[in-house]
Structures are given as structure tokens and as C-alpha cells.
PDB file of N, CA and C in Angstrom:
ATOM      1  N   MET A   1       0.574  -1.216   0.243  1.00  0.00           N
ATOM      2  CA  MET A   1      -0.149  -0.265  -0.075  1.00  0.00           C
ATOM      3  C   MET A   1       0.588   1.286  -0.031  1.00  0.00           C
ATOM      4  N   ASN A   2       2.059   0.914   0.699  1.00  0.00           N
ATOM      5  CA  ASN A   2       2.914   2.518   0.949  1.00  0.00           C
ATOM      6  C   ASN A   2       3.212   2.456  -0.727  1.00  0.00           C
ATOM      7  N   LEU A   3       3.535   1.645  -1.476  1.00  0.00           N
ATOM      8  CA  LEU A   3       4.193   2.074  -2.974  1.00  0.00           C
ATOM      9  C   LEU A   3       3.162   2.620  -3.611  1.00  0.00           C
ATOM     10  N   LEU A   4       1.920   2.386  -3.562  1.00  0.00           N
ATOM     11  CA  LEU A   4       1.132   2.600  -4.401  1.00  0.00           C
ATOM     12  C   LEU A   4       0.984   4.575  -3.453  1.00  0.00           C
ATOM     13  N   LYS A   5       0.773   4.578  -2.580  1.00  0.00           N
ATOM     14  CA  LYS A   5       0.876   6.256  -2.071  1.00  0.00           C
ATOM     15  C   LYS A   5       1.974   6.992  -2.468  1.00  0.00           C
ATOM     16  N   TYR A   6       3.038   6.367  -2.696  1.00  0.00           N
ATOM     17  CA  TYR A   6       4.490   7.157  -2.812  1.00  0.00           C
ATOM     18  C   TYR A   6       3.957   7.673  -4.315  1.00  0.00           C
ATOM     19  N   THR A   7       3.527   6.555  -4.938  1.00  0.00           N
ATOM     20  CA  THR A   7       3.401   6.434  -6.705  1.00  0.00           C
ATOM     21  C   THR A   7       2.371   7.633  -6.778  1.00  0.00           C
ATOM     22  N   PHE A   8       1.643   7.421  -6.229  1.00  0.00           N
ATOM     23  CA  PHE A   8       0.703   8.593  -6.413  1.00  0.00           C
ATOM     24  C   PHE A   8       1.326  10.272  -5.898  1.00  0.00           C
ATOM     25  N   LEU A   9       2.188  10.187  -4.440  1.00  0.00           N
ATOM     26  CA  LEU A   9       2.270  11.572  -4.792  1.00  0.00           C
ATOM     27  C   LEU A   9       3.657  11.233  -5.420  1.00  0.00           C
ATOM     28  N   ARG A  10       4.078  11.276  -5.827  1.00  0.00           N
ATOM     29  CA  ARG A  10       5.054  11.321  -6.989  1.00  0.00           C
ATOM     30  C   ARG A  10       4.215  11.950  -8.399  1.00  0.00           C
ATOM     31  N   LEU A  11       3.939  11.102  -8.897  1.00  0.00           N
ATOM     32  CA  LEU A  11       2.906  11.613  -9.924  1.00  0.00           C
ATOM     33  C   LEU A  11       1.746  12.983  -9.964  1.00  0.00           C
ATOM     34  N   ALA A  12       1.492  13.150  -8.388  1.00  0.00           N
ATOM     35  CA  ALA A  12       0.715  14.137  -8.608  1.00  0.00           C
ATOM     36  C   ALA A  12       1.449  15.475  -7.938  1.00  0.00           C
ATOM     37  N   LEU A  13       2.799  15.532  -7.767  1.00  0.00           N
ATOM     38  CA  LEU A  13       3.924  16.405  -7.900  1.00  0.00           C
ATOM     39  C   LEU A  13       4.051  16.420  -9.309  1.00  0.00           C
ATOM     40  N   VAL A  14       4.503  15.594 -10.013  1.00  0.00           N
ATOM     41  CA  VAL A  14       4.869  15.959 -11.355  1.00  0.00           C
ATOM     42  C   VAL A  14       3.833  16.483 -11.738  1.00  0.00           C
ATOM     43  N   PHE A  15       2.572  16.251 -12.065  1.00  0.00           N
ATOM     44  CA  PHE A  15       1.337  17.273 -12.608  1.00  0.00           C
ATOM     45  C   PHE A  15       1.496  18.487 -12.193  1.00  0.00           C
ATOM     46  N   SER A  16       1.461  18.447 -10.764  1.00  0.00           N
ATOM     47  CA  SER A  16       1.254  20.215 -10.377  1.00  0.00           C
ATOM     48  C   SER A  16       2.382  21.028 -10.797  1.00  0.00           C
ATOM     49  N   ILE A  17       3.697  20.339 -10.770  1.00  0.00           N
ATOM     50  CA  ILE A  17       4.402  21.119 -11.206  1.00  0.00           C
ATOM     51  C   ILE A  17       5.081  21.391 -12.648  1.00  0.00           C
ATOM     52  N   SER A  18       4.952  19.978 -13.634  1.00  0.00           N
ATOM     53  CA  SER A  18       4.607  20.846 -14.796  1.00  0.00           C
ATOM     54  C   SER A  18       3.458  21.592 -14.963  1.00  0.00           C
ATOM     55  N   LEU A  19       2.101  21.610 -14.222  1.00  0.00           N
ATOM     56  CA  LEU A  19       1.029  22.596 -15.058  1.00  0.00           C
ATOM     57  C   LEU A  19       1.527  23.716 -14.534  1.00  0.00           C
ATOM     58  N   ILE A  20       2.001  24.432 -13.340  1.00  0.00           N
ATOM     59  CA  ILE A  20       2.807  25.163 -12.868  1.00  0.00           C
ATOM     60  C   ILE A  20       3.720  26.030 -13.926  1.00  0.00           C
ATOM     61  N   CYS A  21       4.746  24.775 -14.421  1.00  0.00           N
ATOM     62  CA  CYS A  21       5.359  25.601 -15.241  1.00  0.00           C
ATOM     63  C   CYS A  21       5.100  25.757 -16.567  1.00  0.00           C
ATOM     64  N   VAL A  22       4.196  25.336 -17.494  1.00  0.00           N
ATOM     65  CA  VAL A  22       3.637  25.506 -18.460  1.00  0.00           C
ATOM     66  C   VAL A  22       2.382  26.810 -18.549  1.00  0.00           C
ATOM     67  N   TRP A  23       1.781  26.022 -17.273  1.00  0.00           N
ATOM     68  CA  TRP A  23       0.563  28.233 -17.618  1.00  0.00           C
ATOM     69  C   TRP A  23       1.339  28.986 -16.539  1.00  0.00           C
ATOM     70  N   VAL A  24       2.067  29.170 -15.848  1.00  0.00           N
ATOM     71  CA  VAL A  24       2.484  30.324 -15.135  1.00  0.00           C
ATOM     72  C   VAL A  24       3.554  30.684 -15.739  1.00  0.00           C
ATOM     73  N   LEU A  25       4.709  30.007 -15.371  1.00  0.00           N
ATOM     74  CA  LEU A  25       6.023  30.556 -16.375  1.00  0.00           C
ATOM     75  C   LEU A  25       6.171  30.284 -17.887  1.00  0.00           C
ATOM     76  N   LYS A  26       5.451  29.612 -18.373  1.00  0.00           N
ATOM     77  CA  LYS A  26       5.279  29.910 -19.991  1.00  0.00           C
ATOM     78  C   LYS A  26       6.671  28.682 -20.537  1.00  0.00           C
ATOM     79  N   ILE A  27       6.653  27.965 -19.950  1.00  0.00           N
ATOM     80  CA  ILE A  27       8.112  26.970 -20.600  1.00  0.00           C
ATOM     81  C   ILE A  27       6.972  26.050 -21.212  1.00  0.00           C
ATOM     82  N   ALA A  28       8.189  25.498 -22.057  1.00  0.00           N
ATOM     83  CA  ALA A  28       7.835  24.090 -23.201  1.00  0.00           C
ATOM     84  C   ALA A  28       7.614  23.414 -22.232  1.00  0.00           C
ATOM     85  N   VAL A  29       7.121  22.832 -22.698  1.00  0.00           N
ATOM     86  CA  VAL A  29       6.030  21.140 -21.931  1.00  0.00           C
ATOM     87  C   VAL A  29       6.909  20.112 -22.039  1.00  0.00           C
ATOM     88  N   LEU A  30       7.701  19.601 -23.209  1.00  0.00           N
ATOM     89  CA  LEU A  30       8.984  18.545 -22.499  1.00  0.00           C
ATOM     90  C   LEU A  30       9.892  19.044 -21.726  1.00  0.00           C
ATOM     91  N   LEU A  31      10.267  20.372 -21.779  1.00  0.00           N
ATOM     92  CA  LEU A  31      11.378  20.972 -20.715  1.00  0.00           C
ATOM     93  C   LEU A  31       9.990  21.131 -18.799  1.00  0.00           C
ATOM     94  N   SER A  32       9.189  21.191 -18.792  1.00  0.00           N
ATOM     95  CA  SER A  32       8.495  21.141 -17.759  1.00  0.00           C
ATOM     96  C   SER A  32       8.546  20.304 -17.195  1.00  0.00           C
ATOM     97  N   ILE A  33       8.074  18.947 -18.102  1.00  0.00           N
ATOM     98  CA  ILE A  33       7.829  17.564 -17.286  1.00  0.00           C
ATOM     99  C   ILE A  33       9.068  17.091 -17.098  1.00  0.00           C
ATOM    100  N   ILE A  34      10.301  17.592 -17.415  1.00  0.00           N
ATOM    101  CA  ILE A  34      11.829  17.175 -17.147  1.00  0.00           C
ATOM    102  C   ILE A  34      11.888  17.947 -16.283  1.00  0.00           C
ATOM    103  N   PHE A  35      12.033  19.339 -15.861  1.00  0.00           N
ATOM    104  CA  PHE A  35      11.624  20.046 -14.894  1.00  0.00           C
ATOM    105  C   PHE A  35      11.018  19.208 -13.441  1.00  0.00           C
ATOM    106  N   ALA A  36       9.811  18.589 -13.940  1.00  0.00           N
ATOM    107  CA  ALA A  36       8.920  18.676 -12.622  1.00  0.00           C
ATOM    108  C   ALA A  36       9.608  17.158 -12.231  1.00  0.00           C
ATOM    109  N   LEU A  37       9.563  16.263 -13.477  1.00  0.00           N
ATOM    110  CA  LEU A  37      10.835  14.636 -12.515  1.00  0.00           C
ATOM    111  C   LEU A  37      11.623  15.042 -11.653  1.00  0.00           C
ATOM    112  N   LEU A  38      12.192  15.880 -11.913  1.00  0.00           N
ATOM    113  CA  LEU A  38      13.590  16.212 -10.920  1.00  0.00           C
ATOM    114  C   LEU A  38      12.982  16.723  -9.684  1.00  0.00           C
ATOM    115  N   MET A  39      12.267  17.969 -10.198  1.00  0.00           N
ATOM    116  CA  MET A  39      11.655  18.298  -8.765  1.00  0.00           C
ATOM    117  C   MET A  39      11.071  17.457  -7.721  1.00  0.00           C
ATOM    118  N   SER A  40      10.089  16.646  -8.600  1.00  0.00           N
ATOM    119  CA  SER A  40       9.408  15.535  -7.439  1.00  0.00           C
ATOM    120  C   SER A  40       9.932  14.318  -7.205  1.00  0.00           C
ATOM    121  N   LEU A  41      11.592  14.292  -7.455  1.00  0.00           N
ATOM    122  CA  LEU A  41      12.141  13.589  -6.921  1.00  0.00           C
ATOM    123  C   LEU A  41      13.270  13.582  -6.151  1.00  0.00           C
ATOM    124  N   SER A  42      13.604  15.180  -5.617  1.00  0.00           N
ATOM    125  CA  SER A  42      14.259  15.588  -4.917  1.00  0.00           C
ATOM    126  C   SER A  42      13.413  16.144  -3.872  1.00  0.00           C
ATOM    127  N   LEU A  43      12.206  16.509  -3.985  1.00  0.00           N
ATOM    128  CA  LEU A  43      11.009  17.131  -2.857  1.00  0.00           C
ATOM    129  C   LEU A  43      11.032  15.537  -2.394  1.00  0.00           C
ATOM    130  N   SER A  44      10.726  14.805  -3.076  1.00  0.00           N
ATOM    131  CA  SER A  44      10.388  13.527  -2.281  1.00  0.00           C
ATOM    132  C   SER A  44      11.282  12.434  -1.489  1.00  0.00           C
ATOM    133  N   TYR A  45      12.634  12.765  -2.328  1.00  0.00           N
ATOM    134  CA  TYR A  45      14.032  12.104  -1.580  1.00  0.00           C
ATOM    135  C   TYR A  45      13.937  13.587   0.281  1.00  0.00           C
ATOM    136  N   LEU A  46      13.509  14.484   0.185  1.00  0.00           N
ATOM    137  CA  LEU A  46      13.957  15.599   1.113  1.00  0.00           C
ATOM    138  C   LEU A  46      12.413  15.477   2.268  1.00  0.00           C
ATOM    139  N   PHE A  47      11.831  15.306   1.570  1.00  0.00           N
ATOM    140  CA  PHE A  47      10.462  15.264   2.778  1.00  0.00           C
ATOM    141  C   PHE A  47       9.538  13.779   3.105  1.00  0.00           C
ATOM    142  N   PHE A  48       9.498  13.116   2.514  1.00  0.00           N
ATOM    143  CA  PHE A  48       8.813  11.594   2.532  1.00  0.00           C
ATOM    144  C   PHE A  48       9.874  10.710   2.575  1.00  0.00           C
ATOM    145  N   PRO A  49      11.112  10.875   3.363  1.00  0.00           N
ATOM    146  CA  PRO A  49      11.622   9.630   3.445  1.00  0.00           C
ATOM    147  C   PRO A  49      11.330   8.220   3.948  1.00  0.00           C
ATOM    148  N   LYS A  50      10.437   8.237   4.866  1.00  0.00           N
ATOM    149  CA  LYS A  50       9.936   7.261   5.185  1.00  0.00           C
ATOM    150  C   LYS A  50       9.070   6.105   4.370  1.00  0.00           C
ATOM    151  N   LEU A  51       8.144   7.244   3.534  1.00  0.00           N
ATOM    152  CA  LEU A  51       7.587   6.910   2.768  1.00  0.00           C
ATOM    153  C   LEU A  51       8.399   5.858   1.835  1.00  0.00           C
ATOM    154  N   ARG A  52       9.192   6.231   1.574  1.00  0.00           N
ATOM    155  CA  ARG A  52      10.259   6.198   0.090  1.00  0.00           C
ATOM    156  C   ARG A  52      10.860   4.974   0.785  1.00  0.00           C
ATOM    157  N   GLU A  53      11.428   4.958   1.861  1.00  0.00           N
ATOM    158  CA  GLU A  53      11.807   3.566   2.186  1.00  0.00           C
ATOM    159  C   GLU A  53      10.721   2.483   2.485  1.00  0.00           C
ATOM    160  N   ALA A  54       9.227   2.812   3.134  1.00  0.00           N
ATOM    161  CA  ALA A  54       9.084   1.559   2.982  1.00  0.00           C
ATOM    162  C   ALA A  54       8.058   0.924   1.913  1.00  0.00           C
ATOM    163  N   ALA A  55       8.333   2.010   0.576  1.00  0.00           N
ATOM    164  CA  ALA A  55       7.608   1.409  -0.602  1.00  0.00           C
ATOM    165  C   ALA A  55       8.735   0.163  -0.889  1.00  0.00           C
ATOM    166  N   GLY A  56       9.953   0.936  -0.526  1.00  0.00           N
ATOM    167  CA  GLY A  56      11.267   0.411  -0.804  1.00  0.00           C
ATOM    168  C   GLY A  56      11.201  -1.444  -0.089  1.00  0.00           C
ATOM    169  N   VAL A  57      11.070  -1.569   0.745  1.00  0.00           N
ATOM    170  CA  VAL A  57      10.551  -2.268   1.590  1.00  0.00           C
ATOM    171  C   VAL A  57       9.703  -3.844   0.641  1.00  0.00           C
ATOM    172  N   GLU A  58       8.587  -2.311   0.352  1.00  0.00           N
ATOM    173  CA  GLU A  58       7.038  -3.489  -0.171  1.00  0.00           C
ATOM    174  C   GLU A  58       7.446  -4.032  -1.293  1.00  0.00           C
ATOM    175  N   VAL A  59       8.940  -2.972  -2.181  1.00  0.00           N
ATOM    176  CA  VAL A  59       9.037  -3.848  -3.478  1.00  0.00           C
ATOM    177  C   VAL A  59      10.150  -5.225  -3.372  1.00  0.00           C
ATOM    178  N   ALA A  60      11.210  -5.035  -2.572  1.00  0.00           N
ATOM    179  CA  ALA A  60      11.573  -5.691  -2.388  1.00  0.00           C
ATOM    180  C   ALA A  60      11.556  -7.156  -1.504  1.00  0.00           C
ATOM    181  N   GLN A  61      10.192  -7.012  -0.995  1.00  0.00           N
ATOM    182  CA  GLN A  61       9.682  -8.142  -0.299  1.00  0.00           C
ATOM    183  C   GLN A  61       8.748  -9.063  -1.810  1.00  0.00           C
ATOM    184  N   VAL A  62       8.470  -7.872  -2.213  1.00  0.00           N
ATOM    185  CA  VAL A  62       8.037  -8.568  -3.495  1.00  0.00           C
ATOM    186  C   VAL A  62       8.439  -9.801  -4.444  1.00  0.00           C
ATOM    187  N   TRP A  63       9.660  -9.020  -5.054  1.00  0.00           N
ATOM    188  CA  TRP A  63      11.072  -9.423  -5.714  1.00  0.00           C
ATOM    189  C   TRP A  63      11.741 -10.735  -4.921  1.00  0.00           C
ATOM    190  N   ARG A  64      11.705 -10.550  -3.577  1.00  0.00           N
ATOM    191  CA  ARG A  64      12.273 -11.672  -2.863  1.00  0.00           C
ATOM    192  C   ARG A  64      11.284 -12.641  -3.008  1.00  0.00           C
ATOM    193  N   LYS A  65      10.038 -12.733  -2.980  1.00  0.00           N
ATOM    194  CA  LYS A  65       9.320 -13.454  -3.349  1.00  0.00           C
ATOM    195  C   LYS A  65       8.909 -14.033  -4.730  1.00  0.00           C
ATOM    196  N   LEU A  66       9.257 -13.503  -5.836  1.00  0.00           N
ATOM    197  CA  LEU A  66       9.126 -13.785  -7.297  1.00  0.00           C
ATOM    198  C   LEU A  66      10.201 -14.609  -7.950  1.00  0.00           C
ATOM    199  N   PHE A  67      11.093 -13.918  -7.712  1.00  0.00           N
ATOM    200  CA  PHE A  67      12.804 -14.601  -7.735  1.00  0.00           C
ATOM    201  C   PHE A  67      13.609 -14.963  -6.490  1.00  0.00           C
ATOM    202  N   PRO A  68      13.093 -15.856  -5.920  1.00  0.00           N
ATOM    203  CA  PRO A  68      13.776 -16.408  -4.666  1.00  0.00           C
ATOM    204  C   PRO A  68      15.912 -16.676  -5.072  1.00  0.00           C
ATOM    205  N   THR A  69      16.222 -16.365  -4.129  1.00  0.00           N
ATOM    206  CA  THR A  69      17.501 -16.997  -4.852  1.00  0.00           C
ATOM    207  C   THR A  69      18.304 -17.826  -3.494  1.00  0.00           C
ATOM    208  N   LYS A  70      19.306 -18.333  -3.775  1.00  0.00           N
ATOM    209  CA  LYS A  70      19.971 -19.937  -2.919  1.00  0.00           C
ATOM    210  C   LYS A  70      20.693 -19.091  -2.255  1.00  0.00           C
ATOM    211  N   ASN A  71      21.509 -20.046  -0.840  1.00  0.00           N
ATOM    212  CA  ASN A  71      22.155 -19.480  -0.259  1.00  0.00           C
ATOM    213  C   ASN A  71      23.449 -20.051  -0.959  1.00  0.00           C
ATOM    214  N   ILE A  72      24.118 -19.332  -1.745  1.00  0.00           N
ATOM    215  CA  ILE A  72      25.436 -20.253  -2.486  1.00  0.00           C
ATOM    216  C   ILE A  72      26.138 -19.793  -1.224  1.00  0.00           C
ATOM    217  N   LYS A  73      26.412 -18.466  -0.649  1.00  0.00           N
ATOM    218  CA  LYS A  73      27.639 -18.236   0.107  1.00  0.00           C
ATOM    219  C   LYS A  73      27.906 -19.339   0.912  1.00  0.00           C
ATOM    220  N   HIS A  74      26.678 -20.127   1.932  1.00  0.00           N
ATOM    221  CA  HIS A  74      26.524 -20.975   2.620  1.00  0.00           C
ATOM    222  C   HIS A  74      27.375 -22.196   2.409  1.00  0.00           C
ATOM    223  N   GLU A  75      26.157 -22.963   1.012  1.00  0.00           N
ATOM    224  CA  GLU A  75      26.813 -23.705   0.646  1.00  0.00           C
ATOM    225  C   GLU A  75      28.840 -23.589   0.199  1.00  0.00           C
ATOM    226  N   ASP A  76      28.698 -22.538  -0.286  1.00  0.00           N
ATOM    227  CA  ASP A  76      30.477 -22.235  -0.927  1.00  0.00           C
ATOM    228  C   ASP A  76      31.355 -22.572   0.790  1.00  0.00           C
ATOM    229  N   THR A  77      31.124 -22.193   1.998  1.00  0.00           N
ATOM    230  CA  THR A  77      31.648 -22.188   3.149  1.00  0.00           C
ATOM    231  C   THR A  77      31.119 -23.420   3.681  1.00  0.00           C
ATOM    232  N   LEU A  78      30.483 -23.905   3.825  1.00  0.00           N
ATOM    233  CA  LEU A  78      30.475 -25.850   3.979  1.00  0.00           C
ATOM    234  C   LEU A  78      31.509 -26.375   3.004  1.00  0.00           C
ATOM    235  N   VAL A  79      31.617 -26.470   1.407  1.00  0.00           N
ATOM    236  CA  VAL A  79      32.320 -26.914   1.018  1.00  0.00           C
ATOM    237  C   VAL A  79      34.198 -26.517   0.974  1.00  0.00           C
ATOM    238  N   GLU A  80      33.690 -25.413   1.528  1.00  0.00           N
ATOM    239  CA  GLU A  80      35.520 -24.555   2.339  1.00  0.00           C
ATOM    240  C   GLU A  80      35.920 -26.107   2.848  1.00  0.00           C
ATOM    241  N   ASP A  81      35.073 -25.283   4.235  1.00  0.00           N
ATOM    242  CA  ASP A  81      35.063 -26.170   5.275  1.00  0.00           C
ATOM    243  C   ASP A  81      35.612 -27.329   5.408  1.00  0.00           C
ATOM    244  N   GLU A  82      34.945 -28.499   4.325  1.00  0.00           N
ATOM    245  CA  GLU A  82      35.150 -29.894   3.897  1.00  0.00           C
ATOM    246  C   GLU A  82      36.531 -30.095   3.855  1.00  0.00           C
ATOM    247  N   TYR A  83      36.924 -29.214   2.472  1.00  0.00           N
ATOM    248  CA  TYR A  83      38.157 -29.473   2.223  1.00  0.00           C
ATOM    249  C   TYR A  83      39.194 -28.703   3.229  1.00  0.00           C
ATOM    250  N   VAL A  84      38.969 -28.065   3.775  1.00  0.00           N
ATOM    251  CA  VAL A  84      40.361 -27.747   5.258  1.00  0.00           C
ATOM    252  C   VAL A  84      40.533 -28.828   5.779  1.00  0.00           C
ATOM    253  N   GLU A  85      39.392 -29.491   6.325  1.00  0.00           N
ATOM    254  CA  GLU A  85      38.909 -30.620   7.408  1.00  0.00           C
ATOM    255  C   GLU A  85      39.679 -31.787   6.352  1.00  0.00           C
ATOM    256  N   GLN A  86      39.485 -32.436   5.559  1.00  0.00           N
ATOM    257  CA  GLN A  86      40.073 -33.204   4.704  1.00  0.00           C
ATOM    258  C   GLN A  86      41.577 -33.166   4.995  1.00  0.00           C
ATOM    259  N   MET A  87      41.754 -31.660   4.645  1.00  0.00           N
ATOM    260  CA  MET A  87      43.513 -31.633   3.874  1.00  0.00           C
ATOM    261  C   MET A  87      44.406 -31.456   5.193  1.00  0.00           C
ATOM    262  N   LYS A  88      43.592 -31.352   6.588  1.00  0.00           N
ATOM    263  CA  LYS A  88      44.402 -31.388   7.849  1.00  0.00           C
ATOM    264  C   LYS A  88      44.747 -32.598   8.246  1.00  0.00           C
ATOM    265  N   LYS A  89      43.412 -33.941   7.952  1.00  0.00           N
ATOM    266  CA  LYS A  89      43.483 -35.242   8.008  1.00  0.00           C
ATOM    267  C   LYS A  89      44.754 -35.543   7.552  1.00  0.00           C
ATOM    268  N   SER A  90      44.646 -35.303   6.077  1.00  0.00           N
ATOM    269  CA  SER A  90      45.632 -35.992   5.192  1.00  0.00           C
ATOM    270  C   SER A  90      47.191 -35.584   5.700  1.00  0.00           C
ATOM    271  N   GLN A  91      47.449 -34.927   6.173  1.00  0.00           N
ATOM    272  CA  GLN A  91      48.155 -34.013   6.423  1.00  0.00           C
ATOM    273  C   GLN A  91      49.270 -34.267   8.118  1.00  0.00           C
ATOM    274  N   GLY A  92      47.710 -35.049   8.983  1.00  0.00           N
ATOM    275  CA  GLY A  92      47.850 -35.404  10.034  1.00  0.00           C
ATOM    276  C   GLY A  92      47.688 -33.991  11.477  1.00  0.00           C
ATOM    277  N   LEU A  93      47.402 -32.953  10.947  1.00  0.00           N
ATOM    278  CA  LEU A  93      47.299 -31.627  11.595  1.00  0.00           C
ATOM    279  C   LEU A  93      45.987 -31.750  12.129  1.00  0.00           C
ATOM    280  N   ASP A  94      45.063 -32.922  12.385  1.00  0.00           N
ATOM    281  CA  ASP A  94      44.003 -33.465  13.025  1.00  0.00           C
ATOM    282  C   ASP A  94      43.971 -33.089  14.542  1.00  0.00           C
ATOM    283  N   PHE A  95      43.400 -31.882  14.866  1.00  0.00           N
ATOM    284  CA  PHE A  95      43.976 -31.748  16.776  1.00  0.00           C
ATOM    285  C   PHE A  95      41.964 -32.101  17.487  1.00  0.00           C
TER     286      PHE A  95
END
């Protein structure tokens, strides 16, 4: 739900800033949209960090559900430990 709130907030900022740029400041449409995107990015980053972080957490949770990863690092550690134990036994260093 936080992702939707954050998205609608950013879209509202982009829309309102671009309308102000086009109607009040008489700036070209493309330039006003680019300016509005940059302003909405900076305003949302400065004034809505909790909502941005909550939206990021939601995206990460969905991403992990869609694309689960294997714990390769743990498997590598087990293989390396087994290899070290075998080398210790073969050299007689097993204490």
C-alpha cells in the first residue's frame, strides 16, 4: 500500500509542477516535464523519506517472493570447511 501512496504522491507532484511550469512560467511542455520529474524526485527524497523507504521494503519483499535466491555463500562455506578438514586429516594436523 505504501508503494501506491508513494507513486501517487510522486505523480501528483510531477503533474502539479509541470502545470505550473507550463501555465504560469510559460515553459515548453517537454522541458517542464523534465523539470517536474527532477523536482518531484528531490522533494520526495527530502520530505518523504519514511514513505520512500517503506515503498522500497515492499518492492524488495515482492522481488524476493518472485525470484528466490539460493544461499550460495553458505554452500560455499560448507564445501570449503570440508576441504580444509580433509587436508588437515591427510597431513596429520587434525587436533
